[in-house]
Structure formats: structure tokens, C-alpha cells
């Protein structure tokens, strides 16, 4: 059985880098440190789309430990 070629010289580089976020609602795309609206709320960092307001990422703030009930 022949193995598929994995030679990078024959493949073009990707158009986008891995740190690009995409808005599922409107298709807007930008780097993670791009034009996304950043809101800190309830111990979370929320990134929302500047075009439509859709939340594209929600993570605990760095340096804060989650509350244990």
C-alpha cells in the first residue's frame, strides 16, 4: 500500500493562521487579539463579534481560580 505524500514543499501554506477566530453567525473573522469586543463578566473573559454581537469565545479569566461550591 502506498503512503500519501506529506512533503510540505508540494503543498501551499494555509491562508489563515491557527489563531484566527470565526463568528458562526455572520462569518466575521479576525485574529484572537483582533477587533473582537472583550468583556470581563462573572470571572469570565467573553469575546463577541463586533459586527453582530454573537459570543465567539468564553473562558475563565487568567489568574482566577474557579469557585468551588
Protein backbone atom coordinates (compact mmCIF):
# COMPACT_ATOMS: atom_id res chain seq x y z
CA UNK A 1 0.00 0.00 0.00
CA UNK A 2 1.35 3.42 -0.92
CA UNK A 3 1.57 6.12 1.74
CA UNK A 4 0.20 9.58 0.89
CA UNK A 5 2.82 12.25 0.32
CA UNK A 6 3.34 14.61 3.23
CA UNK A 7 6.04 16.70 1.61
CA UNK A 8 5.41 20.32 2.64
CA UNK A 9 7.22 21.62 -0.44
CA UNK A 10 4.39 20.43 -2.68
CA UNK A 11 1.58 21.93 -0.57
CA UNK A 12 0.93 25.67 -0.41
CA UNK A 13 0.90 27.26 3.06
CA UNK A 14 -2.51 27.76 4.69
CA UNK A 15 -4.27 31.07 4.04
CA UNK A 16 -5.17 31.54 7.70
CA UNK A 17 -3.20 31.06 10.86
CA UNK A 18 -4.42 28.89 13.73
CA UNK A 19 -5.17 31.86 15.96
CA UNK A 20 -7.99 33.12 13.73
CA UNK A 21 -11.47 33.18 15.28
CA UNK A 22 -14.63 32.95 13.20
CA UNK A 23 -18.08 34.21 14.08
CA UNK A 24 -20.56 31.40 13.38
CA UNK A 25 -23.44 33.86 12.97
CA UNK A 26 -22.10 36.32 10.39
CA UNK A 27 -18.78 34.88 9.17
CA UNK A 28 -16.58 37.69 10.52
CA UNK A 29 -13.01 36.56 11.10
CA UNK A 30 -10.02 38.12 12.85
CA UNK A 31 -7.01 37.18 14.95
CA UNK A 32 -7.76 36.38 18.58
CA UNK A 33 -6.22 39.74 19.52
CA UNK A 34 -8.04 41.49 16.67
CA UNK A 35 -11.20 43.61 16.72
CA UNK A 36 -13.34 41.34 18.94
CA UNK A 37 -15.22 43.04 21.77
CA UNK A 38 -13.75 41.86 25.09
CA UNK A 39 -15.97 41.88 28.16
CA UNK A 40 -14.99 40.72 31.66
CA UNK A 41 -18.06 39.39 33.48
CA UNK A 42 -18.65 36.98 36.35
CA UNK A 43 -15.00 35.88 36.36
CA UNK A 44 -15.01 35.15 32.63
CA UNK A 45 -13.48 36.79 29.60
CA UNK A 46 -16.05 36.94 26.81
CA UNK A 47 -15.19 37.71 23.18
CA UNK A 48 -18.07 38.83 21.00
CA UNK A 49 -18.32 39.74 17.33
CA UNK A 50 -18.03 43.47 16.56
CA UNK A 51 -20.48 43.07 13.65
CA UNK A 52 -23.37 41.10 15.13
CA UNK A 53 -22.64 40.71 18.86
CA UNK A 54 -22.52 36.89 18.80
CA UNK A 55 -20.36 35.40 21.58
CA UNK A 56 -17.48 33.55 19.91
CA UNK A 57 -15.39 32.63 22.97
CA UNK A 58 -16.00 32.42 26.71
CA UNK A 59 -13.20 31.48 29.12
CA UNK A 60 -12.33 31.85 32.79
CA UNK A 61 -10.12 34.85 33.45
CA UNK A 62 -6.46 34.04 33.87
CA UNK A 63 -5.12 34.04 37.38
CA UNK A 64 -8.50 33.36 38.97
CA UNK A 65 -9.43 30.01 40.33
CA UNK A 66 -12.98 28.77 39.75
CA UNK A 67 -15.30 28.96 42.73
CA UNK A 68 -15.91 25.68 44.50
CA UNK A 69 -19.37 25.16 45.97
